[in-house]
Amino acid sequence: MAESPAWMFTKALSHRQKVQRLYKRALKEVDNWYGGNNLEVRYQKVLLRARFDANKDEKDTRKSQLLLADGCRQVWEKRHFKPFRFALDPGGSSYDRERESPDVLLDSDQWTLAEREQFPYYFNKREQRKKELLAHWSKIEKSWDEEIAAIQTKIPAEKNVSTSV
């Protein structure tokens, strides 16, 4: 059911968690098949909930495990050939399309004077922000240097190690 690699799972899931995940996956499949018609989607979801509620009080663990396996099989067999994905999600139509342009393109050194005069507010603000960023990083580097110097000048306390035989 899950498409995540095995190393991502850190603990075993309880039966309840497996049923909850199956229910959520089945609801998504209903959305995939009946996505445009709100009344039909609601009707199918009510039927699905009724199927789950019919077996919620099952005490026999073997039967409940068989029901879970059968539900997983049914969801797998009835999965949609083209499931809905949001455009920017992995597998979506616009996934990874909006790449950030390198900052070098906006550097003022590459612009001619005539081009810079067309956008004076932008270039002045950009230069001001560059100076602020460099000042901020110089403060950070100074604090790092002070911390490293403090660590290097501090003599570690000797531990009293007693050996017991």
N, C-alpha and C. Protein backbone atom coordinates (compact mmCIF):
# COMPACT_ATOMS: atom_id res chain seq x y z
N MET A 1 0.82 -1.19 0.00
CA MET A 1 0.00 0.00 0.00
C MET A 1 0.86 1.25 0.00
N ALA A 2 1.80 1.34 0.92
CA ALA A 2 2.64 2.53 1.01
C ALA A 2 3.74 2.45 -0.05
N GLU A 3 4.09 3.61 -0.60
CA GLU A 3 5.12 3.64 -1.61
C GLU A 3 6.45 4.14 -1.04
N SER A 4 6.52 4.27 0.28
CA SER A 4 7.74 4.74 0.91
C SER A 4 8.72 3.57 1.06
N PRO A 5 10.01 3.87 1.05
CA PRO A 5 10.99 2.79 1.24
C PRO A 5 10.91 2.22 2.65
N ALA A 6 11.36 0.98 2.78
CA ALA A 6 11.24 0.27 4.05
C ALA A 6 12.02 0.94 5.16
N TRP A 7 13.12 1.61 4.85
CA TRP A 7 13.94 2.21 5.90
C TRP A 7 13.27 3.39 6.57
N MET A 8 12.18 3.91 5.99
CA MET A 8 11.51 5.06 6.60
C MET A 8 10.64 4.66 7.78
N PHE A 9 10.24 3.40 7.85
CA PHE A 9 9.38 2.96 8.93
C PHE A 9 10.22 2.61 10.14
N THR A 10 9.90 3.22 11.27
CA THR A 10 10.71 3.01 12.46
C THR A 10 10.08 2.04 13.44
N LYS A 11 8.77 1.82 13.33
CA LYS A 11 8.13 0.89 14.25
C LYS A 11 6.99 0.18 13.53
N ALA A 12 6.58 -0.94 14.09
CA ALA A 12 5.47 -1.68 13.51
C ALA A 12 4.16 -0.97 13.80
N LEU A 13 3.26 -1.03 12.85
CA LEU A 13 1.97 -0.38 13.02
C LEU A 13 1.00 -1.32 13.72
N SER A 14 0.13 -0.76 14.54
CA SER A 14 -0.91 -1.57 15.16
C SER A 14 -2.00 -1.86 14.13
N HIS A 15 -2.86 -2.80 14.47
CA HIS A 15 -3.96 -3.16 13.56
C HIS A 15 -4.85 -1.94 13.33
N ARG A 16 -5.10 -1.19 14.38
CA ARG A 16 -5.95 0.01 14.28
C ARG A 16 -5.36 1.02 13.30
N GLN A 17 -4.02 1.24 13.39
CA GLN A 17 -3.37 2.19 12.48
C GLN A 17 -3.44 1.70 11.03
N LYS A 18 -3.30 0.40 10.85
CA LYS A 18 -3.39 -0.15 9.49
C LYS A 18 -4.78 0.06 8.91
N VAL A 19 -5.81 -0.16 9.74
CA VAL A 19 -7.19 0.03 9.28
C VAL A 19 -7.44 1.50 8.97
N GLN A 20 -6.92 2.39 9.82
CA GLN A 20 -7.10 3.82 9.58
C GLN A 20 -6.43 4.24 8.27
N ARG A 21 -5.25 3.73 7.99
CA ARG A 21 -4.56 4.07 6.74
C ARG A 21 -5.28 3.48 5.54
N LEU A 22 -5.82 2.28 5.70
CA LEU A 22 -6.60 1.69 4.61
C LEU A 22 -7.83 2.54 4.32
N TYR A 23 -8.50 2.99 5.37
CA TYR A 23 -9.70 3.82 5.20
C TYR A 23 -9.35 5.13 4.49
N LYS A 24 -8.25 5.75 4.91
CA LYS A 24 -7.84 7.00 4.29
C LYS A 24 -7.50 6.79 2.81
N ARG A 25 -6.82 5.69 2.52
CA ARG A 25 -6.45 5.39 1.12
C ARG A 25 -7.70 5.13 0.29
N ALA A 26 -8.68 4.42 0.89
CA ALA A 26 -9.92 4.13 0.17
C ALA A 26 -10.69 5.43 -0.10
N LEU A 27 -10.67 6.36 0.85
CA LEU A 27 -11.34 7.65 0.63
C LEU A 27 -10.68 8.41 -0.52
N LYS A 28 -9.36 8.33 -0.61
CA LYS A 28 -8.67 8.99 -1.72
C LYS A 28 -9.03 8.34 -3.06
N GLU A 29 -9.21 7.03 -3.05
CA GLU A 29 -9.60 6.36 -4.29
C GLU A 29 -11.01 6.77 -4.71
N VAL A 30 -11.91 6.95 -3.74
CA VAL A 30 -13.25 7.45 -4.06
C VAL A 30 -13.14 8.82 -4.70
N ASP A 31 -12.29 9.69 -4.14
CA ASP A 31 -12.09 11.01 -4.73
C ASP A 31 -11.53 10.91 -6.15
N ASN A 32 -10.63 9.95 -6.37
CA ASN A 32 -10.05 9.79 -7.70
C ASN A 32 -11.11 9.38 -8.73
N TRP A 33 -12.01 8.48 -8.34
CA TRP A 33 -12.99 7.96 -9.29
C TRP A 33 -14.16 8.91 -9.49
N TYR A 34 -14.60 9.59 -8.43
CA TYR A 34 -15.81 10.40 -8.53
C TYR A 34 -15.52 11.88 -8.27
N GLY A 35 -14.32 12.33 -8.56
CA GLY A 35 -13.85 13.64 -8.15
C GLY A 35 -14.71 14.83 -8.48
N GLY A 36 -15.37 14.87 -9.65
CA GLY A 36 -16.10 16.06 -10.04
C GLY A 36 -17.50 16.18 -9.46
N ASN A 37 -18.11 15.06 -9.12
CA ASN A 37 -19.51 15.06 -8.68
C ASN A 37 -19.57 14.97 -7.16
N ASN A 38 -19.87 16.08 -6.50
CA ASN A 38 -19.85 16.12 -5.04
C ASN A 38 -20.88 15.20 -4.40
N LEU A 39 -22.08 15.11 -4.97
CA LEU A 39 -23.10 14.24 -4.39
C LEU A 39 -22.70 12.77 -4.49
N GLU A 40 -22.17 12.39 -5.64
CA GLU A 40 -21.75 11.00 -5.82
C GLU A 40 -20.57 10.66 -4.91
N VAL A 41 -19.65 11.61 -4.76
CA VAL A 41 -18.51 11.40 -3.87
C VAL A 41 -18.99 11.18 -2.45
N ARG A 42 -19.89 12.03 -1.99
CA ARG A 42 -20.41 11.91 -0.63
C ARG A 42 -21.13 10.59 -0.43
N TYR A 43 -21.95 10.20 -1.41
CA TYR A 43 -22.69 8.95 -1.33
C TYR A 43 -21.73 7.76 -1.24
N GLN A 44 -20.72 7.74 -2.09
CA GLN A 44 -19.76 6.63 -2.07
C GLN A 44 -18.97 6.59 -0.77
N LYS A 45 -18.66 7.76 -0.22
CA LYS A 45 -17.93 7.80 1.05
C LYS A 45 -18.80 7.30 2.20
N VAL A 46 -20.08 7.60 2.16
CA VAL A 46 -21.00 7.09 3.19
C VAL A 46 -21.09 5.57 3.10
N LEU A 47 -21.17 5.03 1.88
CA LEU A 47 -21.19 3.58 1.71
C LEU A 47 -19.90 2.95 2.22
N LEU A 48 -18.78 3.58 1.92
CA LEU A 48 -17.49 3.07 2.38
C LEU A 48 -17.42 3.07 3.90
N ARG A 49 -17.89 4.15 4.52
CA ARG A 49 -17.87 4.23 5.97
C ARG A 49 -18.75 3.14 6.58
N ALA A 50 -19.88 2.87 5.95
CA ALA A 50 -20.78 1.82 6.43
C ALA A 50 -20.10 0.46 6.38
N ARG A 51 -19.32 0.22 5.31
CA ARG A 51 -18.59 -1.06 5.22
C ARG A 51 -17.57 -1.20 6.34
N PHE A 52 -16.89 -0.10 6.67
CA PHE A 52 -15.91 -0.16 7.75
C PHE A 52 -16.60 -0.29 9.11
N ASP A 53 -17.70 0.45 9.29
CA ASP A 53 -18.42 0.39 10.57
C ASP A 53 -19.05 -0.98 10.82
N ALA A 54 -19.39 -1.71 9.77
CA ALA A 54 -20.01 -3.02 9.93
C ALA A 54 -19.07 -4.01 10.62
N ASN A 55 -17.78 -3.80 10.49
CA ASN A 55 -16.81 -4.74 11.06
C ASN A 55 -15.95 -4.13 12.15
N LYS A 56 -16.35 -2.99 12.68
CA LYS A 56 -15.49 -2.32 13.65
C LYS A 56 -15.44 -3.03 15.01
N ASP A 57 -16.45 -3.81 15.35
CA ASP A 57 -16.48 -4.48 16.65
C ASP A 57 -16.05 -5.93 16.57
N GLU A 58 -15.33 -6.29 15.54
CA GLU A 58 -14.88 -7.67 15.36
C GLU A 58 -13.84 -8.01 16.42
N LYS A 59 -14.11 -9.07 17.18
CA LYS A 59 -13.20 -9.47 18.28
C LYS A 59 -12.18 -10.52 17.82
N ASP A 60 -12.53 -11.30 16.83
CA ASP A 60 -11.64 -12.36 16.34
C ASP A 60 -10.51 -11.73 15.54
N THR A 61 -9.27 -11.89 16.05
CA THR A 61 -8.13 -11.23 15.40
C THR A 61 -7.85 -11.81 14.01
N ARG A 62 -8.06 -13.12 13.86
CA ARG A 62 -7.82 -13.72 12.54
C ARG A 62 -8.78 -13.15 11.50
N LYS A 63 -10.04 -13.07 11.89
CA LYS A 63 -11.04 -12.55 10.95
C LYS A 63 -10.77 -11.08 10.64
N SER A 64 -10.37 -10.31 11.66
CA SER A 64 -10.09 -8.89 11.41
C SER A 64 -8.86 -8.72 10.52
N GLN A 65 -7.86 -9.58 10.67
CA GLN A 65 -6.69 -9.51 9.79
C GLN A 65 -7.05 -9.90 8.36
N LEU A 66 -7.94 -10.90 8.22
CA LEU A 66 -8.39 -11.28 6.88
C LEU A 66 -9.20 -10.15 6.24
N LEU A 67 -10.03 -9.49 7.03
CA LEU A 67 -10.79 -8.36 6.51
C LEU A 67 -9.86 -7.23 6.05
N LEU A 68 -8.82 -6.98 6.84
CA LEU A 68 -7.84 -5.95 6.49
C LEU A 68 -7.13 -6.31 5.19
N ALA A 69 -6.69 -7.56 5.09
CA ALA A 69 -5.99 -7.99 3.88
C ALA A 69 -6.91 -7.92 2.66
N ASP A 70 -8.18 -8.30 2.85
CA ASP A 70 -9.13 -8.24 1.75
C ASP A 70 -9.39 -6.79 1.34
N GLY A 71 -9.47 -5.90 2.32
CA GLY A 71 -9.66 -4.48 2.02
C GLY A 71 -8.47 -3.91 1.25
N CYS A 72 -7.26 -4.29 1.66
CA CYS A 72 -6.06 -3.84 0.95
C CYS A 72 -6.07 -4.35 -0.49
N ARG A 73 -6.48 -5.61 -0.66
CA ARG A 73 -6.54 -6.18 -2.01
C ARG A 73 -7.55 -5.44 -2.87
N GLN A 74 -8.71 -5.13 -2.29
CA GLN A 74 -9.75 -4.43 -3.05
C GLN A 74 -9.30 -3.03 -3.44
N VAL A 75 -8.66 -2.32 -2.52
CA VAL A 75 -8.17 -0.98 -2.84
C VAL A 75 -7.13 -1.06 -3.94
N TRP A 76 -6.27 -2.08 -3.88
CA TRP A 76 -5.24 -2.25 -4.89
C TRP A 76 -5.85 -2.56 -6.26
N GLU A 77 -6.84 -3.44 -6.28
CA GLU A 77 -7.45 -3.82 -7.54
C GLU A 77 -8.26 -2.68 -8.16
N LYS A 78 -8.87 -1.85 -7.31
CA LYS A 78 -9.76 -0.80 -7.81
C LYS A 78 -9.11 0.58 -7.83
N ARG A 79 -7.78 0.61 -7.77
CA ARG A 79 -7.11 1.91 -7.78
C ARG A 79 -7.29 2.58 -9.14
N HIS A 80 -7.28 3.87 -9.14
CA HIS A 80 -7.51 4.65 -10.35
C HIS A 80 -6.27 4.62 -11.24
N PHE A 81 -6.48 4.61 -12.53
CA PHE A 81 -5.35 4.55 -13.47
C PHE A 81 -4.56 5.84 -13.51
N LYS A 82 -5.21 6.95 -13.15
CA LYS A 82 -4.50 8.23 -13.11
C LYS A 82 -4.96 8.99 -11.88
N PRO A 83 -4.35 8.73 -10.73
CA PRO A 83 -4.82 9.35 -9.49
C PRO A 83 -4.58 10.85 -9.47
N PHE A 84 -5.42 11.54 -8.70
CA PHE A 84 -5.31 12.99 -8.58
C PHE A 84 -4.05 13.36 -7.81
N ARG A 85 -3.34 14.32 -8.31
CA ARG A 85 -2.18 14.88 -7.60
C ARG A 85 -2.24 16.38 -7.74
N PHE A 86 -1.86 17.07 -6.67
CA PHE A 86 -1.76 18.51 -6.78
C PHE A 86 -0.61 18.84 -7.73
N ALA A 87 -0.73 19.95 -8.42
CA ALA A 87 0.20 20.28 -9.50
C ALA A 87 1.65 20.37 -9.02
N LEU A 88 1.89 20.90 -7.82
CA LEU A 88 3.26 21.09 -7.35
C LEU A 88 3.81 19.91 -6.56
N ASP A 89 2.98 18.88 -6.33
CA ASP A 89 3.45 17.68 -5.61
C ASP A 89 4.29 16.81 -6.54
N PRO A 90 5.14 15.94 -5.98
CA PRO A 90 5.90 15.02 -6.84
C PRO A 90 4.94 14.18 -7.69
N GLY A 91 5.20 14.15 -8.98
CA GLY A 91 4.32 13.45 -9.90
C GLY A 91 3.24 14.35 -10.48
N GLY A 92 3.12 15.57 -9.97
CA GLY A 92 2.14 16.51 -10.48
C GLY A 92 2.62 17.17 -11.76
N SER A 93 1.71 17.85 -12.44
CA SER A 93 2.04 18.41 -13.75
C SER A 93 3.03 19.56 -13.67
N SER A 94 3.10 20.26 -12.55
CA SER A 94 4.01 21.40 -12.44
C SER A 94 5.13 21.17 -11.42
N TYR A 95 5.38 19.91 -11.08
CA TYR A 95 6.39 19.61 -10.07
C TYR A 95 7.77 20.06 -10.54
N ASP A 96 8.45 20.78 -9.70
CA ASP A 96 9.83 21.20 -9.91
C ASP A 96 9.98 22.13 -11.12
N ARG A 97 8.94 22.88 -11.45
CA ARG A 97 9.05 23.81 -12.56
C ARG A 97 9.54 25.18 -12.12
N GLU A 98 9.20 25.57 -10.91
CA GLU A 98 9.57 26.90 -10.44
C GLU A 98 10.95 26.85 -9.82
N ARG A 99 11.94 27.00 -10.62
CA ARG A 99 13.31 26.99 -10.11
C ARG A 99 13.72 28.43 -9.81
N GLU A 100 14.46 28.59 -8.74
CA GLU A 100 14.93 29.93 -8.41
C GLU A 100 16.10 30.28 -9.31
N SER A 101 16.06 31.47 -9.84
CA SER A 101 17.15 31.89 -10.71
C SER A 101 18.36 32.23 -9.84
N PRO A 102 19.55 32.02 -10.36
CA PRO A 102 20.74 32.34 -9.59
C PRO A 102 20.82 33.84 -9.30
N ASP A 103 21.33 34.16 -8.14
CA ASP A 103 21.40 35.55 -7.71
C ASP A 103 22.34 36.38 -8.59
N VAL A 104 23.23 35.73 -9.30
CA VAL A 104 24.19 36.43 -10.16
C VAL A 104 23.47 37.21 -11.25
N LEU A 105 22.32 36.70 -11.69
CA LEU A 105 21.57 37.39 -12.74
C LEU A 105 21.12 38.77 -12.30
N LEU A 106 20.91 38.96 -11.01
CA LEU A 106 20.42 40.24 -10.52
C LEU A 106 21.53 41.15 -10.00
N ASP A 107 22.76 40.69 -10.03
CA ASP A 107 23.85 41.54 -9.56
C ASP A 107 23.93 42.80 -10.41
N SER A 108 24.20 43.90 -9.76
CA SER A 108 24.19 45.19 -10.46
C SER A 108 25.40 45.37 -11.36
N ASP A 109 26.42 44.53 -11.23
CA ASP A 109 27.61 44.67 -12.08
C ASP A 109 27.29 44.34 -13.54
N GLN A 110 26.31 43.48 -13.77
CA GLN A 110 26.02 43.04 -15.13
C GLN A 110 25.04 43.97 -15.85
N TRP A 111 24.45 44.89 -15.13
CA TRP A 111 23.48 45.79 -15.73
C TRP A 111 24.19 47.06 -16.24
N THR A 112 23.74 47.55 -17.37
CA THR A 112 24.32 48.81 -17.87
C THR A 112 23.74 49.98 -17.08
N LEU A 113 24.38 51.12 -17.21
CA LEU A 113 23.93 52.31 -16.48
C LEU A 113 22.52 52.71 -16.90
N ALA A 114 22.23 52.60 -18.19
CA ALA A 114 20.89 52.96 -18.68
C ALA A 114 19.83 52.04 -18.08
N GLU A 115 20.17 50.75 -17.98
CA GLU A 115 19.22 49.81 -17.39
C GLU A 115 19.04 50.07 -15.89
N ARG A 116 20.11 50.43 -15.23
CA ARG A 116 20.03 50.73 -13.80
C ARG A 116 19.21 51.99 -13.54
N GLU A 117 19.28 52.95 -14.42
CA GLU A 117 18.52 54.18 -14.25
C GLU A 117 17.03 53.98 -14.43
N GLN A 118 16.64 52.91 -15.12
CA GLN A 118 15.23 52.63 -15.30
C GLN A 118 14.58 52.12 -14.00
N PHE A 119 15.36 51.49 -13.15
CA PHE A 119 14.85 50.91 -11.90
C PHE A 119 15.69 51.37 -10.71
N PRO A 120 15.72 52.67 -10.40
CA PRO A 120 16.60 53.15 -9.33
C PRO A 120 16.20 52.63 -7.96
N TYR A 121 14.90 52.55 -7.69
CA TYR A 121 14.46 52.09 -6.37
C TYR A 121 14.92 50.66 -6.12
N TYR A 122 14.76 49.80 -7.14
CA TYR A 122 15.13 48.39 -7.00
C TYR A 122 16.62 48.24 -6.71
N PHE A 123 17.46 48.92 -7.49
CA PHE A 123 18.90 48.74 -7.33
C PHE A 123 19.41 49.35 -6.03
N ASN A 124 18.84 50.49 -5.61
CA ASN A 124 19.25 51.07 -4.33
C ASN A 124 18.87 50.16 -3.17
N LYS A 125 17.65 49.63 -3.23
CA LYS A 125 17.20 48.73 -2.17
C LYS A 125 18.03 47.45 -2.15
N ARG A 126 18.39 46.95 -3.32
CA ARG A 126 19.20 45.72 -3.41
C ARG A 126 20.59 45.95 -2.82
N GLU A 127 21.20 47.07 -3.13
CA GLU A 127 22.52 47.37 -2.57
C GLU A 127 22.45 47.52 -1.05
N GLN A 128 21.38 48.16 -0.57
CA GLN A 128 21.21 48.32 0.87
C GLN A 128 21.06 46.96 1.55
N ARG A 129 20.27 46.08 0.96
CA ARG A 129 20.07 44.75 1.56
C ARG A 129 21.34 43.92 1.50
N LYS A 130 22.12 44.06 0.45
CA LYS A 130 23.40 43.35 0.38
C LYS A 130 24.32 43.77 1.52
N LYS A 131 24.39 45.11 1.77
CA LYS A 131 25.23 45.61 2.86
C LYS A 131 24.73 45.09 4.21
N GLU A 132 23.40 45.08 4.41
CA GLU A 132 22.85 44.56 5.66
C GLU A 132 23.18 43.09 5.84
N LEU A 133 23.07 42.32 4.76
CA LEU A 133 23.36 40.89 4.84
C LEU A 133 24.83 40.65 5.16
N LEU A 134 25.72 41.38 4.52
CA LEU A 134 27.14 41.22 4.79
C LEU A 134 27.48 41.63 6.22
N ALA A 135 26.86 42.69 6.72
CA ALA A 135 27.08 43.10 8.11
C ALA A 135 26.58 42.03 9.07
N HIS A 136 25.43 41.45 8.77
CA HIS A 136 24.88 40.38 9.61
C HIS A 136 25.82 39.18 9.65
N TRP A 137 26.32 38.77 8.48
CA TRP A 137 27.22 37.63 8.44
C TRP A 137 28.55 37.93 9.11
N SER A 138 29.01 39.14 9.03
CA SER A 138 30.27 39.47 9.72
C SER A 138 30.08 39.38 11.23
N LYS A 139 28.90 39.76 11.74
CA LYS A 139 28.61 39.60 13.17
C LYS A 139 28.61 38.13 13.55
N ILE A 140 27.99 37.31 12.72
CA ILE A 140 27.94 35.86 13.00
C ILE A 140 29.34 35.28 12.99
N GLU A 141 30.15 35.63 11.98
CA GLU A 141 31.52 35.12 11.91
C GLU A 141 32.33 35.57 13.12
N LYS A 142 32.13 36.80 13.56
CA LYS A 142 32.85 37.31 14.73
C LYS A 142 32.46 36.52 15.98
N SER A 143 31.16 36.24 16.14
CA SER A 143 30.74 35.46 17.32
C SER A 143 31.29 34.04 17.25
N TRP A 144 31.35 33.46 16.04
CA TRP A 144 31.93 32.12 15.89
C TRP A 144 33.41 32.14 16.26
N ASP A 145 34.12 33.15 15.78
CA ASP A 145 35.55 33.24 16.08
C ASP A 145 35.77 33.39 17.59
N GLU A 146 34.94 34.22 18.24
CA GLU A 146 35.07 34.38 19.69
C GLU A 146 34.78 33.08 20.42
N GLU A 147 33.79 32.36 19.97
CA GLU A 147 33.45 31.09 20.62
C GLU A 147 34.55 30.06 20.44
N ILE A 148 35.12 30.00 19.24
CA ILE A 148 36.23 29.06 18.99
C ILE A 148 37.44 29.44 19.81
N ALA A 149 37.73 30.74 19.90
CA ALA A 149 38.86 31.19 20.71
C ALA A 149 38.64 30.85 22.18
N ALA A 150 37.41 31.00 22.67
CA ALA A 150 37.12 30.66 24.06
C ALA A 150 37.28 29.17 24.30
N ILE A 151 36.88 28.36 23.34
CA ILE A 151 37.02 26.91 23.49
C ILE A 151 38.48 26.51 23.47
N GLN A 152 39.27 27.15 22.61
CA GLN A 152 40.68 26.77 22.48
C GLN A 152 41.52 27.25 23.66
N THR A 153 41.12 28.34 24.31
CA THR A 153 41.92 28.85 25.43
C THR A 153 41.53 28.22 26.75
N LYS A 154 40.34 27.65 26.83
CA LYS A 154 39.89 27.03 28.06
C LYS A 154 40.59 25.69 28.25
N ILE A 155 41.14 25.47 29.41
CA ILE A 155 41.81 24.22 29.71
C ILE A 155 40.77 23.25 30.26
N PRO A 156 40.66 22.07 29.68
CA PRO A 156 39.66 21.13 30.17
C PRO A 156 40.03 20.65 31.58
N ALA A 157 39.01 20.49 32.40
CA ALA A 157 39.23 20.02 33.78
C ALA A 157 39.62 18.57 33.74
N GLU A 158 40.61 18.22 34.55
CA GLU A 158 41.05 16.82 34.59
C GLU A 158 40.08 16.02 35.43
N LYS A 159 39.81 14.84 34.98
CA LYS A 159 38.89 13.97 35.69
C LYS A 159 39.68 13.05 36.60
N ASN A 160 39.16 12.82 37.79
CA ASN A 160 39.77 11.87 38.71
C ASN A 160 39.30 10.48 38.35
N VAL A 161 40.19 9.74 37.80
CA VAL A 161 39.85 8.38 37.39
C VAL A 161 40.46 7.43 38.39
N SER A 162 39.63 6.73 39.09
CA SER A 162 40.15 5.75 40.05
C SER A 162 39.92 4.36 39.46
N THR A 163 40.94 3.58 39.52
CA THR A 163 40.83 2.22 38.98
C THR A 163 40.56 1.28 40.13
N SER A 164 39.51 0.52 39.94
CA SER A 164 39.17 -0.46 40.99
C SER A 164 39.46 -1.84 40.46
N VAL A 165 40.12 -2.64 41.29
CA VAL A 165 40.51 -3.98 40.89
C VAL A 165 39.72 -5.00 41.65
